[in-house]
Amino acid sequence: MLCGLISLSLSYGVCQTVEKLLELLYTLDRWINETPPVDQPSRFGNQAFRIWYTKLDKNAEALVASVLSADKQAAAPEVAVYLKESVGNQTRIDYGTGHEEAFTEFLCCLCKVGALEVEDRLAMVFKVFDRYLQVMRKLQKTYRMEPAGSQGVWGLDDFQFLPFIWGSSQFIDHPTLEPH
């Protein structure tokens, strides 16, 4: 359990796998720049997202393999499924909290196969997940992705939910702040 408030500027170790995950996310970001939106009349769902997603679909296993050590390469095809599920739906051109959850499952898979360790948990949230959110916001804005399953005022955010949970969990056992 993390007690007290943790700042994004907190000092913590960053392993080679985390560095490779950040490179993977920079690749996805670069692909957005290389795949500009197409001119179309619809409010949501720019068709260029499908081109971007097809590139991810074709390269997902190689991207995941680049993160894994040689002795863990056999896990790449299965783990890549979670990566592909974490960026939105190719058919509906939408993104929501289920996709965000797929990314956390992607990270969990990397933990299960031993590519990430317990000591990497702060870097997973403050480096990798933070960078993931930046890339997803860019995807959402660039391709005008529809919020998947949005309930309007029922949620804090149409696209993400985990930042609220993880952020509020930092108040657990706080010496002066209590819920009212």
Protein backbone atom coordinates (compact mmCIF):
# COMPACT_ATOMS: atom_id res chain seq x y z
CA MET A 1 0.00 0.00 0.00
CA LEU A 2 1.23 3.47 -0.83
CA CYS A 3 0.80 5.80 2.12
CA GLY A 4 0.85 9.57 1.81
CA LEU A 5 0.89 11.59 -1.37
CA ILE A 6 3.33 10.52 -4.04
CA SER A 7 4.54 13.06 -6.54
CA LEU A 8 5.33 12.34 -10.17
CA SER A 9 8.76 13.75 -9.35
CA LEU A 10 9.40 11.06 -6.72
CA SER A 11 12.71 9.27 -7.17
CA TYR A 12 12.46 5.55 -8.02
CA GLY A 13 14.33 3.02 -10.09
CA VAL A 14 13.56 2.44 -13.76
CA CYS A 15 14.46 -0.99 -15.08
CA GLN A 16 15.34 -1.85 -18.66
CA THR A 17 11.87 -3.30 -19.29
CA VAL A 18 10.25 -0.01 -18.28
CA GLU A 19 12.60 1.83 -20.65
CA LYS A 20 11.58 -0.57 -23.44
CA LEU A 21 7.90 -0.05 -22.66
CA LEU A 22 8.39 3.69 -22.94
CA GLU A 23 10.03 3.16 -26.34
CA LEU A 24 7.05 1.03 -27.39
CA LEU A 25 4.69 3.86 -26.41
CA TYR A 26 6.85 6.43 -28.24
CA THR A 27 6.53 4.22 -31.33
CA LEU A 28 2.72 4.25 -31.05
CA ASP A 29 2.84 8.03 -30.64
CA ARG A 30 5.07 8.41 -33.71
CA TRP A 31 2.64 6.31 -35.74
CA ILE A 32 -0.13 8.81 -34.90
CA ASN A 33 2.04 11.56 -36.41
CA GLU A 34 2.63 9.38 -39.48
CA THR A 35 -1.11 8.68 -39.90
CA PRO A 36 -2.91 12.02 -40.07
CA PRO A 37 -6.71 12.14 -39.87
CA VAL A 38 -8.60 12.07 -43.13
CA ASP A 39 -11.02 14.79 -44.16
CA GLN A 40 -14.51 13.47 -43.44
CA PRO A 41 -17.80 14.95 -42.25
CA SER A 42 -18.55 12.75 -39.21
CA ARG A 43 -18.35 14.12 -35.66
CA PHE A 44 -16.73 11.01 -34.15
CA GLY A 45 -14.48 8.29 -35.46
CA ASN A 46 -11.96 9.42 -38.03
CA GLN A 47 -11.31 6.54 -40.46
CA ALA A 48 -7.53 7.06 -40.28
CA PHE A 49 -7.64 5.35 -36.88
CA ARG A 50 -8.27 2.07 -38.72
CA ILE A 51 -5.06 2.57 -40.70
CA TRP A 52 -3.16 3.31 -37.49
CA TYR A 53 -4.71 0.27 -35.77
CA THR A 54 -3.85 -2.01 -38.69
CA LYS A 55 -0.21 -1.00 -38.26
CA LEU A 56 -0.41 -1.91 -34.57
CA ASP A 57 -2.18 -5.17 -35.36
CA LYS A 58 0.59 -6.21 -37.78
CA ASN A 59 3.42 -5.15 -35.43
CA ALA A 60 2.05 -5.87 -31.94
CA GLU A 61 3.87 -9.17 -31.41
CA ALA A 62 7.19 -7.68 -32.53
CA LEU A 63 6.66 -4.64 -30.27
CA VAL A 64 5.96 -6.86 -27.28
CA ALA A 65 8.87 -9.15 -28.16
CA SER A 66 11.15 -6.10 -28.11
CA VAL A 67 10.21 -5.57 -24.46
CA LEU A 68 10.78 -9.20 -23.41
CA SER A 69 14.08 -10.90 -22.73
CA ALA A 70 15.11 -13.84 -24.93
CA ASP A 71 13.85 -16.44 -22.43
CA LYS A 72 10.36 -14.85 -22.35
CA GLN A 73 9.75 -14.44 -26.10
CA ALA A 74 7.18 -17.27 -26.21
CA ALA A 75 4.77 -15.05 -24.26
CA ALA A 76 4.76 -12.28 -26.89
CA PRO A 77 1.75 -13.49 -28.96
CA GLU A 78 -0.53 -13.80 -25.94
CA VAL A 79 0.62 -10.58 -24.27
CA ALA A 80 0.27 -8.67 -27.57
CA VAL A 81 -3.49 -9.29 -27.52
CA TYR A 82 -3.79 -7.09 -24.42
CA LEU A 83 -1.73 -4.36 -26.03
CA LYS A 84 -3.99 -4.33 -29.10
CA GLU A 85 -7.11 -4.28 -26.91
CA SER A 86 -5.77 -1.32 -24.93
CA VAL A 87 -5.93 1.30 -27.69
CA GLY A 88 -9.59 1.25 -28.66
CA ASN A 89 -11.89 -0.58 -31.01
CA GLN A 90 -10.96 -0.62 -34.69
CA THR A 91 -14.53 -1.13 -35.91
CA ARG A 92 -16.36 1.39 -33.70
CA ILE A 93 -13.39 3.79 -33.43
CA ASP A 94 -14.08 4.23 -29.75
CA TYR A 95 -12.11 4.08 -26.53
CA GLY A 96 -13.18 3.65 -22.93
CA THR A 97 -12.35 2.34 -19.51
CA GLY A 98 -12.38 -1.28 -20.73
CA HIS A 99 -9.52 -0.46 -23.08
CA GLU A 100 -7.71 1.25 -20.23
CA GLU A 101 -8.22 -1.93 -18.17
CA ALA A 102 -6.72 -3.99 -21.02
CA PHE A 103 -3.54 -1.94 -20.65
CA THR A 104 -3.36 -2.74 -16.95
CA GLU A 105 -3.83 -6.40 -17.87
CA PHE A 106 -0.99 -5.99 -20.38
CA LEU A 107 1.20 -4.77 -17.51
CA CYS A 108 -0.04 -7.61 -15.28
CA CYS A 109 0.92 -10.13 -17.97
CA LEU A 110 4.41 -8.63 -18.07
CA CYS A 111 4.56 -9.10 -14.30
CA LYS A 112 3.30 -12.68 -14.51
CA VAL A 113 5.96 -13.67 -17.05
CA GLY A 114 8.62 -11.99 -14.91
CA ALA A 115 9.46 -9.10 -17.23
CA LEU A 116 8.40 -6.63 -14.52
CA GLU A 117 8.93 -7.02 -10.78
CA VAL A 118 7.25 -5.66 -7.65
CA GLU A 119 10.05 -3.10 -7.42
CA ASP A 120 8.87 -1.66 -10.74
CA ARG A 121 5.37 -0.76 -9.51
CA LEU A 122 6.03 2.97 -9.12
CA ALA A 123 7.67 3.19 -12.54
CA MET A 124 4.76 1.21 -14.03
CA VAL A 125 2.29 3.85 -12.83
CA PHE A 126 4.30 7.06 -12.90
CA LYS A 127 6.29 6.39 -16.08
CA VAL A 128 4.56 3.74 -18.19
CA PHE A 129 0.90 4.33 -17.35
CA ASP A 130 1.37 8.10 -17.45
CA ARG A 131 2.93 7.83 -20.92
CA TYR A 132 0.14 5.45 -22.00
CA LEU A 133 -2.45 8.06 -20.98
CA GLN A 134 -0.64 10.72 -23.00
CA VAL A 135 -0.67 8.52 -26.10
CA MET A 136 -4.33 7.59 -25.60
CA ARG A 137 -5.36 11.24 -25.23
CA LYS A 138 -3.51 11.99 -28.46
CA LEU A 139 -5.32 9.08 -30.18
CA GLN A 140 -8.68 10.29 -28.85
CA LYS A 141 -8.13 13.86 -30.03
CA THR A 142 -6.47 13.07 -33.35
CA TYR A 143 -9.04 10.51 -34.49
CA ARG A 144 -12.02 11.98 -32.60
CA MET A 145 -12.67 8.65 -30.91
CA GLU A 146 -16.09 8.16 -29.42
CA PRO A 147 -16.20 7.39 -25.70
CA ALA A 148 -17.03 3.68 -25.41
CA GLY A 149 -20.06 2.99 -23.25
CA SER A 150 -20.25 6.54 -21.95
CA GLN A 151 -22.97 7.19 -19.41
CA GLY A 152 -22.60 10.97 -19.50
CA VAL A 153 -22.74 12.33 -15.97
CA TRP A 154 -22.36 8.84 -14.48
CA GLY A 155 -18.57 8.96 -14.75
CA LEU A 156 -15.80 11.37 -13.91
CA ASP A 157 -14.24 10.96 -17.35
CA ASP A 158 -15.57 9.32 -20.51
CA PHE A 159 -12.23 7.73 -21.34
CA GLN A 160 -10.19 7.03 -18.19
CA PHE A 161 -10.98 5.94 -14.65
CA LEU A 162 -7.84 4.43 -13.11
CA PRO A 163 -6.09 7.79 -12.55
CA PHE A 164 -8.92 8.70 -10.19
CA ILE A 165 -8.67 5.41 -8.28
CA TRP A 166 -4.89 5.44 -8.04
CA GLY A 167 -4.82 9.13 -7.18
CA SER A 168 -7.39 8.81 -4.42
CA SER A 169 -5.65 5.73 -3.01
CA GLN A 170 -2.74 7.98 -2.11
CA PHE A 171 -4.94 9.44 0.64
CA ILE A 172 -5.25 6.10 2.45
CA ASP A 173 -4.02 6.54 6.01
CA HIS A 174 -3.20 10.20 5.38
CA PRO A 175 -2.59 11.86 8.77
CA THR A 176 -4.73 14.98 8.19
CA LEU A 177 -7.01 14.43 5.19
CA GLU A 178 -10.16 12.42 5.71
CA PRO A 179 -13.24 11.85 3.56
CA HIS A 180 -16.30 13.80 4.69
